Amino acid sequence: MTIAQPRGRPGSRPNEEHAALSFEISSYENGHDALVEVSGDLDSFTSPRLREVLNTALRDRPNRVFVGLTDVPFVDSTALSVLAECHYRARSQGCELVLCSPTQTVRRVLDLTRLSDRLPVQG
């Protein structure tokens, strides 16, 4: 399942950097694990969709949910809250939520907020 939601930043002119400001999220199941691949900014606009996809993945009670962040250039507090919420939900059902290959900018935010001390981060 892939959902693309083009948008612009607040205050931007219509169609300004339209192609660069898209959001895509895909989810896959592989045996007892799930993979959620994210591309684009994770912010207050895209976080509800992230929550929805992660909650759907957790409904099947996988052993692990891997969240691919290779193509995520920006993350805000709303998205961090969703990741933490889903991490605790996963943990309560015996599942592990693993953040995979965050960009340098996203990794820095995870480290500064100490979220990387609570959630497993690979890569």
Protein backbone atom coordinates (compact mmCIF):
# COMPACT_ATOMS: atom_id res chain seq x y z
CA MET A 1 0.00 0.00 0.00
CA THR A 2 1.51 3.37 -1.01
CA ILE A 3 -0.10 6.71 -0.30
CA ALA A 4 1.30 9.92 -1.80
CA GLN A 5 0.22 13.20 -0.31
CA PRO A 6 1.85 16.24 -1.98
CA ARG A 7 1.83 19.41 0.02
CA GLY A 8 3.69 22.63 0.65
CA ARG A 9 5.19 24.15 3.75
CA PRO A 10 3.17 26.79 5.62
CA GLY A 11 3.55 30.13 3.91
CA SER A 12 4.85 28.63 0.68
CA ARG A 13 3.40 29.55 -2.66
CA PRO A 14 1.25 26.96 -4.44
CA ASN A 15 3.32 24.39 -6.36
CA GLU A 16 6.57 25.64 -4.77
CA GLU A 17 8.89 22.63 -4.63
CA HIS A 18 5.78 20.47 -5.15
CA ALA A 19 7.70 17.34 -6.17
CA ALA A 20 10.21 17.60 -3.31
CA LEU A 21 7.51 17.97 -0.67
CA SER A 22 5.64 14.70 -1.13
CA PHE A 23 5.02 12.06 1.49
CA GLU A 24 4.83 8.34 0.85
CA ILE A 25 4.39 5.44 3.22
CA SER A 26 4.38 1.74 2.38
CA SER A 27 3.90 -1.27 4.59
CA TYR A 28 4.83 -4.90 4.03
CA GLU A 29 4.61 -8.09 6.04
CA ASN A 30 7.34 -10.69 5.99
CA GLY A 31 6.49 -13.71 8.08
CA HIS A 32 6.47 -12.58 11.70
CA ASP A 33 7.83 -9.07 10.99
CA ALA A 34 6.43 -5.92 9.41
CA LEU A 35 8.24 -3.20 7.48
CA VAL A 36 6.98 0.36 7.18
CA GLU A 37 8.92 2.50 4.69
CA VAL A 38 8.54 6.27 4.98
CA SER A 39 9.60 8.92 2.47
CA GLY A 40 9.23 12.66 2.99
CA ASP A 41 8.80 14.94 5.99
CA LEU A 42 7.28 13.54 9.17
CA ASP A 43 5.36 16.43 10.68
CA SER A 44 1.94 17.42 11.98
CA PHE A 45 0.49 16.98 8.49
CA THR A 46 1.83 13.46 7.89
CA SER A 47 1.90 12.07 11.45
CA PRO A 48 -1.75 10.95 11.48
CA ARG A 49 -1.05 8.73 8.45
CA LEU A 50 2.09 7.35 10.12
CA ARG A 51 0.06 6.51 13.25
CA GLU A 52 -2.60 4.80 11.15
CA VAL A 53 -0.12 2.63 9.25
CA LEU A 54 1.86 1.69 12.38
CA ASN A 55 -1.31 0.82 14.29
CA THR A 56 -2.47 -1.35 11.38
CA ALA A 57 0.89 -3.14 11.36
CA LEU A 58 0.68 -3.69 15.13
CA ARG A 59 -2.85 -5.14 14.88
CA ASP A 60 -1.36 -8.28 13.34
CA ARG A 61 0.92 -8.68 16.41
CA PRO A 62 4.24 -9.12 14.57
CA ASN A 63 7.47 -9.87 16.46
CA ARG A 64 9.02 -6.65 15.14
CA VAL A 65 7.98 -3.61 13.16
CA PHE A 66 10.84 -2.03 11.26
CA VAL A 67 10.34 1.64 10.35
CA GLY A 68 12.56 2.68 7.42
CA LEU A 69 13.60 6.33 7.72
CA THR A 70 16.25 6.48 4.99
CA ASP A 71 14.25 9.00 2.93
CA VAL A 72 12.97 11.17 5.80
CA PRO A 73 14.76 14.55 5.80
CA PHE A 74 12.72 16.13 8.62
CA VAL A 75 10.89 15.03 11.75
CA ASP A 76 8.97 17.23 14.20
CA SER A 77 7.66 16.73 17.73
CA THR A 78 4.32 15.44 16.48
CA ALA A 79 6.01 12.59 14.62
CA LEU A 80 8.30 11.87 17.57
CA SER A 81 5.22 11.56 19.74
CA VAL A 82 3.65 9.09 17.30
CA LEU A 83 6.83 6.99 17.23
CA ALA A 84 7.02 6.94 21.04
CA GLU A 85 3.31 6.11 21.37
CA CYS A 86 3.57 3.24 18.89
CA HIS A 87 6.77 2.02 20.56
CA TYR A 88 5.00 1.73 23.92
CA ARG A 89 1.97 0.08 22.31
CA ALA A 90 4.25 -2.42 20.55
CA ARG A 91 6.14 -3.15 23.74
CA SER A 92 2.90 -3.75 25.65
CA GLN A 93 2.02 -6.54 23.21
CA GLY A 94 5.48 -8.12 23.17
CA CYS A 95 6.57 -6.52 19.90
CA GLU A 96 9.62 -4.40 19.12
CA LEU A 97 9.41 -1.20 17.06
CA VAL A 98 12.78 -0.59 15.39
CA LEU A 99 13.77 2.64 13.62
CA CYS A 100 16.00 1.86 10.65
CA SER A 101 18.61 3.97 8.89
CA PRO A 102 17.49 7.47 9.92
CA THR A 103 19.08 10.34 8.06
CA GLN A 104 21.76 12.29 9.91
CA THR A 105 19.29 15.09 10.68
CA VAL A 106 16.63 12.72 12.01
CA ARG A 107 19.24 10.80 14.03
CA ARG A 108 20.38 14.06 15.60
CA VAL A 109 16.79 14.88 16.64
CA LEU A 110 16.36 11.37 18.07
CA ASP A 111 19.59 11.79 20.04
CA LEU A 112 18.82 15.33 21.25
CA THR A 113 15.38 14.28 22.50
CA ARG A 114 16.88 11.09 23.97
CA LEU A 115 14.27 9.09 22.11
CA SER A 116 17.13 6.99 20.74
CA ASP A 117 17.73 5.85 24.34
CA ARG A 118 14.20 4.39 24.46
CA LEU A 119 13.62 3.11 20.92
CA PRO A 120 15.95 0.71 19.13
CA VAL A 121 17.68 2.45 16.22
CA GLN A 122 19.61 0.50 13.58
CA GLY A 123 21.95 2.09 11.09
